[in-house]
Amino acid sequence: MTKRVGIAADHGGYPLKVELAPWLKAEGYEVIDLGAHELDPLDDYPDFADAAAQAIVSGQVERAIVFCGSGAGASIAANKVPGVRAAVCHDTYSAHQAVEHDDMNVICIGARVIGGEVARELITAFLSAQLLEGEKYHRRLAKVAAIEKRSIK
C-alpha cells in the first residue's frame, strides 16, 4: 500500500486540498504538501502539477494527488515530465483501473467538478490499487515508455 503521498493544488483546487489533507493523515498516509500553501487567485496550475511530478520522479513520494479546477490542466502539465503517468479521474473505476492497467502515479481531480465525498472515494481507490501482474500490462507500459523516450529527443 502506498504510504507517502504528495498533494498539490492551484487556487481552483486549494479548498479541496485543505479539506482532504487531514483526512489523508487520519487514514495513515504521510502527506507531503507540495503547495499551494495559501489561497492565491493568481497562481498557475502548471507550477503545482510540476511540483507533484518532480516529487514522483525524485522518489520523494510514491503517488501524488493534484487538485485544480477541472483536473485537465494539471494532468496535461504533469504528463510533460518523463516517468509521470497522470490522469483526470472523476469516477472510482478509472481511479483504480488506471493504476492497475497503466501504473498511474498521479491522479488529477477537478475540485469544481466533484466534492469532498466523491474525492475521498476516488483517492481511496487510487491509493489502494496496484499494478496488475501480467505480460500485457508490462508490454503496454514498455510501449508508453518507448513513446516517451522517442519524444524526448
Protein backbone atom coordinates (compact mmCIF):
# COMPACT_ATOMS: atom_id res chain seq x y z
CA MET A 1 0.00 0.00 0.00
CA THR A 2 1.18 3.47 -0.83
CA LYS A 3 2.17 5.38 2.27
CA ARG A 4 3.90 8.61 1.17
CA VAL A 5 1.55 10.82 -0.83
CA GLY A 6 2.12 14.25 -2.33
CA ILE A 7 -0.73 16.72 -2.58
CA ALA A 8 -0.75 19.90 -4.60
CA ALA A 9 -3.32 22.41 -5.78
CA ASP A 10 -3.73 25.72 -7.50
CA HIS A 11 -6.38 28.23 -6.40
CA GLY A 12 -9.15 26.20 -8.03
CA GLY A 13 -8.27 23.09 -6.05
CA TYR A 14 -6.93 24.68 -2.89
CA PRO A 15 -10.13 24.42 -0.79
CA LEU A 16 -10.48 20.69 -1.57
CA LYS A 17 -6.80 20.07 -0.81
CA VAL A 18 -7.18 21.81 2.56
CA GLU A 19 -10.30 19.75 3.29
CA LEU A 20 -8.74 16.40 2.40
CA ALA A 21 -5.20 16.69 3.81
CA PRO A 22 -6.27 16.00 7.43
CA TRP A 23 -8.39 13.05 6.27
CA LEU A 24 -5.43 11.53 4.41
CA LYS A 25 -3.28 11.88 7.53
CA ALA A 26 -6.01 10.28 9.65
CA GLU A 27 -6.08 7.40 7.15
CA GLY A 28 -2.41 6.76 7.96
CA TYR A 29 -0.69 8.39 5.00
CA GLU A 30 2.41 10.53 5.24
CA VAL A 31 1.23 13.62 3.39
CA ILE A 32 3.79 15.83 1.66
CA ASP A 33 2.18 19.19 0.90
CA LEU A 34 3.67 20.50 -2.33
CA GLY A 35 1.69 23.75 -2.37
CA ALA A 36 -0.11 25.98 -2.70
CA HIS A 37 0.23 26.88 0.95
CA GLU A 38 -2.24 29.73 0.76
CA LEU A 39 -5.09 30.71 -1.50
CA ASP A 40 -3.77 32.89 -4.32
CA PRO A 41 -6.29 33.55 -7.09
CA LEU A 42 -3.43 34.41 -9.47
CA ASP A 43 -1.39 31.21 -9.10
CA ASP A 44 -0.96 28.80 -12.01
CA TYR A 45 -1.73 25.07 -12.12
CA PRO A 46 1.47 24.11 -14.03
CA ASP A 47 3.59 25.11 -11.03
CA PHE A 48 1.80 22.67 -8.73
CA ALA A 49 1.47 19.88 -11.28
CA ASP A 50 5.22 20.16 -11.86
CA ALA A 51 5.92 20.08 -8.12
CA ALA A 52 3.91 16.86 -7.84
CA ALA A 53 5.56 15.35 -10.92
CA GLN A 54 9.04 16.18 -9.65
CA ALA A 55 8.21 14.64 -6.27
CA ILE A 56 7.21 11.43 -8.09
CA VAL A 57 10.30 11.13 -10.29
CA SER A 58 12.67 12.03 -7.44
CA GLY A 59 11.13 9.35 -5.22
CA GLN A 60 10.05 11.87 -2.59
CA VAL A 61 6.52 10.43 -2.85
CA GLU A 62 5.09 7.19 -4.20
CA ARG A 63 1.92 8.75 -5.57
CA ALA A 64 0.54 12.26 -5.88
CA ILE A 65 -2.82 13.99 -5.99
CA VAL A 66 -3.19 17.28 -7.82
CA PHE A 67 -6.31 19.39 -7.46
CA CYS A 68 -7.21 22.14 -9.88
CA GLY A 69 -10.49 23.46 -11.23
CA SER A 70 -11.14 20.69 -13.77
CA GLY A 71 -8.17 18.36 -13.31
CA ALA A 72 -7.41 18.63 -17.03
CA GLY A 73 -4.71 21.31 -16.93
CA ALA A 74 -2.90 19.59 -14.08
CA SER A 75 -2.94 16.31 -15.99
CA ILE A 76 -1.57 17.88 -19.14
CA ALA A 77 1.23 19.63 -17.25
CA ALA A 78 2.19 16.64 -15.07
CA ASN A 79 2.41 14.34 -18.10
CA LYS A 80 5.15 16.53 -19.59
CA VAL A 81 7.56 15.10 -17.00
CA PRO A 82 9.13 11.79 -18.10
CA GLY A 83 8.15 8.97 -15.78
CA VAL A 84 4.86 10.54 -14.73
CA ARG A 85 1.59 8.90 -15.66
CA ALA A 86 -1.18 11.29 -14.70
CA ALA A 87 -4.89 11.18 -15.48
CA VAL A 88 -8.04 13.06 -14.62
CA CYS A 89 -10.35 10.74 -12.70
CA HIS A 90 -13.84 11.60 -11.56
CA ASP A 91 -15.12 8.04 -11.14
CA THR A 92 -13.81 5.21 -8.96
CA TYR A 93 -13.41 2.72 -11.81
CA SER A 94 -10.93 4.97 -13.61
CA ALA A 95 -9.17 5.83 -10.36
CA HIS A 96 -8.22 2.21 -9.67
CA GLN A 97 -8.12 0.87 -13.23
CA ALA A 98 -5.59 3.47 -14.36
CA VAL A 99 -3.25 2.22 -11.63
CA GLU A 100 -3.96 -1.47 -12.24
CA HIS A 101 -3.53 -1.33 -16.04
CA ASP A 102 -1.48 1.82 -16.68
CA ASP A 103 0.57 2.29 -13.49
CA MET A 104 -0.84 5.80 -12.99
CA ASN A 105 1.14 7.60 -10.30
CA VAL A 106 -0.61 10.99 -10.28
CA ILE A 107 -4.36 11.45 -10.03
CA CYS A 108 -5.75 14.82 -11.08
CA ILE A 109 -9.06 15.87 -9.59
CA GLY A 110 -11.28 18.76 -10.59
CA ALA A 111 -12.40 20.48 -7.44
CA ARG A 112 -15.00 22.41 -9.43
CA VAL A 113 -16.35 19.12 -10.81
CA ILE A 114 -16.66 16.91 -7.73
CA GLY A 115 -16.95 17.44 -3.99
CA GLY A 116 -15.16 16.08 -0.97
CA GLU A 117 -17.04 12.82 -0.52
CA VAL A 118 -16.53 11.68 -4.11
CA ALA A 119 -12.90 12.83 -3.93
CA ARG A 120 -12.39 10.63 -0.85
CA GLU A 121 -13.75 7.63 -2.76
CA LEU A 122 -11.50 8.35 -5.75
CA ILE A 123 -8.42 8.82 -3.62
CA THR A 124 -9.13 5.62 -1.69
CA ALA A 125 -9.47 3.69 -4.97
CA PHE A 126 -6.29 5.29 -6.37
CA LEU A 127 -4.11 4.77 -3.31
CA SER A 128 -5.21 1.19 -2.65
CA ALA A 129 -4.77 -0.03 -6.24
CA GLN A 130 -1.64 -1.76 -7.50
CA LEU A 131 -0.37 -2.52 -10.99
CA LEU A 132 -1.68 -5.91 -12.04
CA GLU A 133 0.76 -8.66 -12.88
CA GLY A 134 0.56 -9.84 -16.42
CA GLU A 135 2.61 -9.64 -19.56
CA LYS A 136 0.09 -7.45 -21.39
CA TYR A 137 0.29 -4.65 -18.81
CA HIS A 138 4.07 -4.60 -18.83
CA ARG A 139 4.16 -4.81 -22.64
CA ARG A 140 1.85 -1.81 -22.89
CA LEU A 141 3.83 0.19 -20.33
CA ALA A 142 7.02 -0.56 -22.29
CA LYS A 143 5.33 0.88 -25.39
CA VAL A 144 4.35 4.01 -23.47
CA ALA A 145 7.94 4.34 -22.22
CA ALA A 146 9.22 3.97 -25.79
CA ILE A 147 6.93 6.77 -26.96
CA GLU A 148 8.15 8.94 -24.10
CA LYS A 149 11.80 8.18 -24.85
CA ARG A 150 11.38 8.85 -28.57
CA SER A 151 9.61 12.14 -27.86
CA ILE A 152 12.31 13.44 -25.54
CA LYS A 153 14.92 13.64 -28.34
